Amino acid sequence: MENFYAQWLIQEQHLLNDLLSVPQDRPDLHIPLINRALSHYAEYYKHKSQLAKRDIFRAFSAYWLTASERSFFWLGGLNPRIFFQSLPSDLTSDQRKKLEQLSQESVKREHELEARMRQVAEAMAVLTALAAAHGKARNGEARGETTERVAEMMRAVLEEADRLRKHVVTRSIEILTSVQTVRFFAALAHRHLWFYRRGLHNNGFE
């Protein structure tokens, strides 16, 4: 994942440069850029999903990110609230109303998924206790079964969280104009790269 992410970051910087330089009065150029942005982020989640199938615990740890990037990390990916914070300011009253409704729906779903993750933690504790009660605490097979059952629950939560992220972005784009969507993706990429570079600086790499 580290090698992929390093190249993905370079592509994100190129994407940001193009998003910032495209003329605002050229919708014919906006659509290809928007599709490119969607593909760029979809590629990231595709690779993360592949990692989750192999090792859900490493996928949730996001070991390839800096500490600053993890500050806006939520259930294996970006916190949906980051999307709303990246929206352009030139919204109409109708757009604001629709996006506020979307935000409320997202927050409700976030709380539901966070509750499910608490259930995962509780399930881990219960399954471990049951194994110990049956004298299997030292049995590698029993621990493996417990871990896999918890892993399956975590994968289900991750899939739902990714589905929520995708829904928020897709619905936002439907509400925004093409030029607003370009600004949205530019703000999102700029915010992410800023957190990434701050993380490098804090780690003494810059």
Protein backbone atom coordinates (compact mmCIF):
# COMPACT_ATOMS: atom_id res chain seq x y z
CA MET A 1 0.00 0.00 0.00
CA GLU A 2 2.90 2.38 0.73
CA ASN A 3 4.26 2.29 -2.83
CA PHE A 4 0.82 2.77 -4.33
CA TYR A 5 0.09 5.66 -1.96
CA ALA A 6 3.34 7.43 -2.79
CA GLN A 7 2.46 7.44 -6.48
CA TRP A 8 -1.15 8.30 -5.74
CA LEU A 9 -0.05 11.43 -3.86
CA ILE A 10 2.01 12.58 -6.84
CA GLN A 11 -1.04 12.14 -9.07
CA GLU A 12 -3.15 14.06 -6.56
CA GLN A 13 -0.77 17.02 -6.76
CA HIS A 14 -0.98 16.98 -10.56
CA LEU A 15 -4.77 16.78 -10.29
CA LEU A 16 -4.84 19.74 -7.90
CA ASN A 17 -2.68 21.82 -10.25
CA ASP A 18 -5.08 21.14 -13.12
CA LEU A 19 -8.17 21.83 -11.00
CA LEU A 20 -6.74 25.20 -9.97
CA SER A 21 -5.69 26.22 -13.47
CA VAL A 22 -8.76 25.25 -15.50
CA PRO A 23 -10.76 28.30 -16.74
CA GLN A 24 -13.98 28.76 -14.80
CA ASP A 25 -15.94 29.51 -17.96
CA ARG A 26 -15.05 26.24 -19.70
CA PRO A 27 -17.57 23.60 -18.60
CA ASP A 28 -16.36 21.43 -21.47
CA LEU A 29 -13.07 21.14 -19.58
CA HIS A 30 -14.68 20.75 -16.15
CA ILE A 31 -16.40 17.42 -16.83
CA PRO A 32 -13.22 15.52 -17.82
CA LEU A 33 -11.46 16.91 -14.75
CA ILE A 34 -14.33 15.92 -12.48
CA ASN A 35 -14.32 12.40 -13.91
CA ARG A 36 -10.56 12.27 -13.41
CA ALA A 37 -10.96 13.31 -9.76
CA LEU A 38 -13.63 10.67 -9.20
CA SER A 39 -11.41 8.00 -10.77
CA HIS A 40 -8.44 9.14 -8.70
CA TYR A 41 -10.22 8.71 -5.38
CA ALA A 42 -11.99 5.55 -6.53
CA GLU A 43 -8.58 4.02 -7.24
CA TYR A 44 -7.48 4.72 -3.68
CA TYR A 45 -10.53 3.03 -2.19
CA LYS A 46 -10.14 0.11 -4.57
CA HIS A 47 -6.62 -0.56 -3.27
CA LYS A 48 -7.74 -0.07 0.33
CA SER A 49 -10.57 -2.54 -0.21
CA GLN A 50 -8.12 -5.10 -1.56
CA LEU A 51 -5.99 -4.63 1.55
CA ALA A 52 -9.07 -5.01 3.76
CA LYS A 53 -9.81 -8.39 2.21
CA ARG A 54 -6.30 -9.54 3.09
CA ASP A 55 -5.93 -7.84 6.48
CA ILE A 56 -8.80 -5.71 7.78
CA PHE A 57 -6.86 -4.73 10.88
CA ARG A 58 -4.05 -3.14 8.85
CA ALA A 59 -6.62 -1.44 6.63
CA PHE A 60 -8.25 0.15 9.66
CA SER A 61 -4.89 1.20 11.12
CA ALA A 62 -4.06 3.21 7.96
CA TYR A 63 -0.37 2.66 8.66
CA TRP A 64 0.59 4.36 5.37
CA LEU A 65 -0.78 7.74 6.50
CA THR A 66 0.95 10.39 8.58
CA ALA A 67 -0.41 11.19 12.03
CA SER A 68 -1.84 14.46 10.69
CA GLU A 69 -3.74 12.63 7.96
CA ARG A 70 -5.17 10.22 10.52
CA SER A 71 -6.63 13.19 12.40
CA PHE A 72 -9.47 13.31 9.86
CA PHE A 73 -9.61 9.55 9.38
CA TRP A 74 -12.88 7.80 10.22
CA LEU A 75 -13.71 4.09 9.96
CA GLY A 76 -11.09 3.26 7.37
CA GLY A 77 -11.28 6.43 5.28
CA LEU A 78 -12.03 10.14 5.15
CA ASN A 79 -14.50 11.51 7.64
CA PRO A 80 -17.56 12.53 5.57
CA ARG A 81 -17.53 15.89 7.34
CA ILE A 82 -14.37 16.76 5.42
CA PHE A 83 -16.44 16.70 2.23
CA PHE A 84 -18.85 19.28 3.63
CA GLN A 85 -15.97 21.45 4.83
CA SER A 86 -14.60 21.43 1.26
CA LEU A 87 -17.76 22.77 -0.35
CA PRO A 88 -17.49 26.11 -2.18
CA SER A 89 -18.91 29.23 -0.53
CA ASP A 90 -20.91 30.47 -3.53
CA LEU A 91 -23.94 28.28 -2.90
CA THR A 92 -27.51 29.23 -3.65
CA SER A 93 -30.13 29.00 -0.91
CA ASP A 94 -31.57 25.89 -2.57
CA GLN A 95 -28.15 24.25 -2.73
CA ARG A 96 -27.50 25.05 0.92
CA LYS A 97 -30.81 23.52 1.91
CA LYS A 98 -30.14 20.31 0.00
CA LEU A 99 -26.57 20.02 1.27
CA GLU A 100 -27.66 20.66 4.85
CA GLN A 101 -30.17 17.84 4.53
CA LEU A 102 -27.43 15.61 3.13
CA SER A 103 -25.17 16.55 6.03
CA GLN A 104 -27.84 15.66 8.57
CA GLU A 105 -28.41 12.30 6.87
CA SER A 106 -24.67 11.66 6.87
CA VAL A 107 -24.25 12.49 10.56
CA LYS A 108 -27.10 10.14 11.44
CA ARG A 109 -25.51 7.34 9.44
CA GLU A 110 -22.09 8.06 10.97
CA HIS A 111 -23.54 7.61 14.45
CA GLU A 112 -25.13 4.31 13.41
CA LEU A 113 -21.85 2.99 12.05
CA GLU A 114 -19.93 4.15 15.11
CA ALA A 115 -22.43 2.21 17.24
CA ARG A 116 -21.76 -0.87 15.12
CA MET A 117 -18.03 -0.48 15.68
CA ARG A 118 -18.63 -0.38 19.42
CA GLN A 119 -20.54 -3.64 18.99
CA VAL A 120 -17.52 -5.08 17.18
CA ALA A 121 -15.30 -4.19 20.14
CA GLU A 122 -17.81 -5.74 22.54
CA ALA A 123 -18.04 -8.87 20.39
CA MET A 124 -14.25 -9.19 20.43
CA ALA A 125 -14.26 -9.03 24.22
CA VAL A 126 -17.11 -11.55 24.56
CA LEU A 127 -15.63 -14.04 22.11
CA THR A 128 -12.25 -13.82 23.82
CA ALA A 129 -13.88 -14.35 27.22
CA LEU A 130 -15.82 -17.36 25.97
CA ALA A 131 -12.68 -18.90 24.56
CA ALA A 132 -10.94 -18.40 27.89
CA ALA A 133 -13.90 -19.84 29.80
CA HIS A 134 -13.68 -23.01 27.75
CA GLY A 135 -9.98 -23.30 28.33
CA LYS A 136 -9.14 -22.30 24.76
CA ALA A 137 -7.36 -19.05 25.44
CA ARG A 138 -4.09 -20.68 24.44
CA ASN A 139 -5.53 -22.52 21.52
CA GLY A 140 -4.33 -20.90 18.31
CA GLU A 141 -7.23 -22.25 16.29
CA ALA A 142 -9.79 -20.83 18.70
CA ARG A 143 -8.10 -17.43 18.67
CA GLY A 144 -8.00 -17.55 14.89
CA GLU A 145 -11.74 -18.24 14.69
CA THR A 146 -12.45 -15.36 17.08
CA THR A 147 -10.27 -12.99 15.09
CA GLU A 148 -11.87 -13.94 11.78
CA ARG A 149 -15.40 -13.45 13.12
CA VAL A 150 -14.47 -9.97 14.32
CA ALA A 151 -12.69 -9.28 11.03
CA GLU A 152 -15.85 -10.12 9.10
CA MET A 153 -17.82 -7.66 11.23
CA MET A 154 -15.18 -4.97 10.64
CA ARG A 155 -15.22 -5.55 6.88
CA ALA A 156 -18.99 -5.09 6.87
CA VAL A 157 -18.66 -1.77 8.72
CA LEU A 158 -15.89 -0.62 6.38
CA GLU A 159 -18.00 -1.39 3.32
CA GLU A 160 -20.90 0.59 4.76
CA ALA A 161 -18.62 3.52 5.66
CA ASP A 162 -17.18 3.57 2.13
CA ARG A 163 -20.70 3.44 0.74
CA LEU A 164 -21.61 6.48 2.84
CA ARG A 165 -18.54 8.38 1.65
CA LYS A 166 -19.40 7.61 -1.97
CA HIS A 167 -23.02 8.66 -1.46
CA VAL A 168 -22.05 12.01 0.06
CA VAL A 169 -19.67 12.84 -2.79
CA THR A 170 -22.05 11.65 -5.51
CA ARG A 171 -25.02 13.53 -4.09
CA SER A 172 -22.95 16.68 -3.56
CA ILE A 173 -21.86 16.64 -7.19
CA GLU A 174 -25.48 16.29 -8.27
CA ILE A 175 -26.32 19.44 -6.31
CA LEU A 176 -23.31 21.53 -7.38
CA THR A 177 -22.64 23.06 -10.78
CA SER A 178 -19.61 21.85 -12.73
CA VAL A 179 -17.45 24.83 -11.77
CA GLN A 180 -18.47 24.43 -8.11
CA THR A 181 -17.56 20.75 -8.31
CA VAL A 182 -14.12 21.65 -9.64
CA ARG A 183 -13.64 23.98 -6.65
CA PHE A 184 -14.91 21.25 -4.33
CA PHE A 185 -12.34 18.72 -5.53
CA ALA A 186 -9.60 21.36 -5.52
CA ALA A 187 -10.39 22.22 -1.88
CA LEU A 188 -10.51 18.52 -0.95
CA ALA A 189 -7.15 17.75 -2.59
CA HIS A 190 -5.55 20.89 -1.14
CA ARG A 191 -6.76 20.05 2.36
CA HIS A 192 -5.50 16.49 2.13
CA LEU A 193 -2.08 17.41 0.75
CA TRP A 194 -1.70 20.10 3.41
CA PHE A 195 -2.34 17.55 6.16
CA TYR A 196 0.07 15.14 4.48
CA ARG A 197 2.88 17.69 4.31
CA ARG A 198 2.26 18.84 7.87
CA GLY A 199 2.57 15.21 8.95
CA LEU A 200 5.92 14.92 7.16
CA HIS A 201 7.11 18.14 8.79
CA ASN A 202 6.07 16.93 12.24
CA ASN A 203 7.94 13.69 11.62
CA GLY A 204 11.07 15.59 10.64
CA PHE A 205 11.05 14.63 6.95
CA GLU A 206 10.80 18.18 5.66
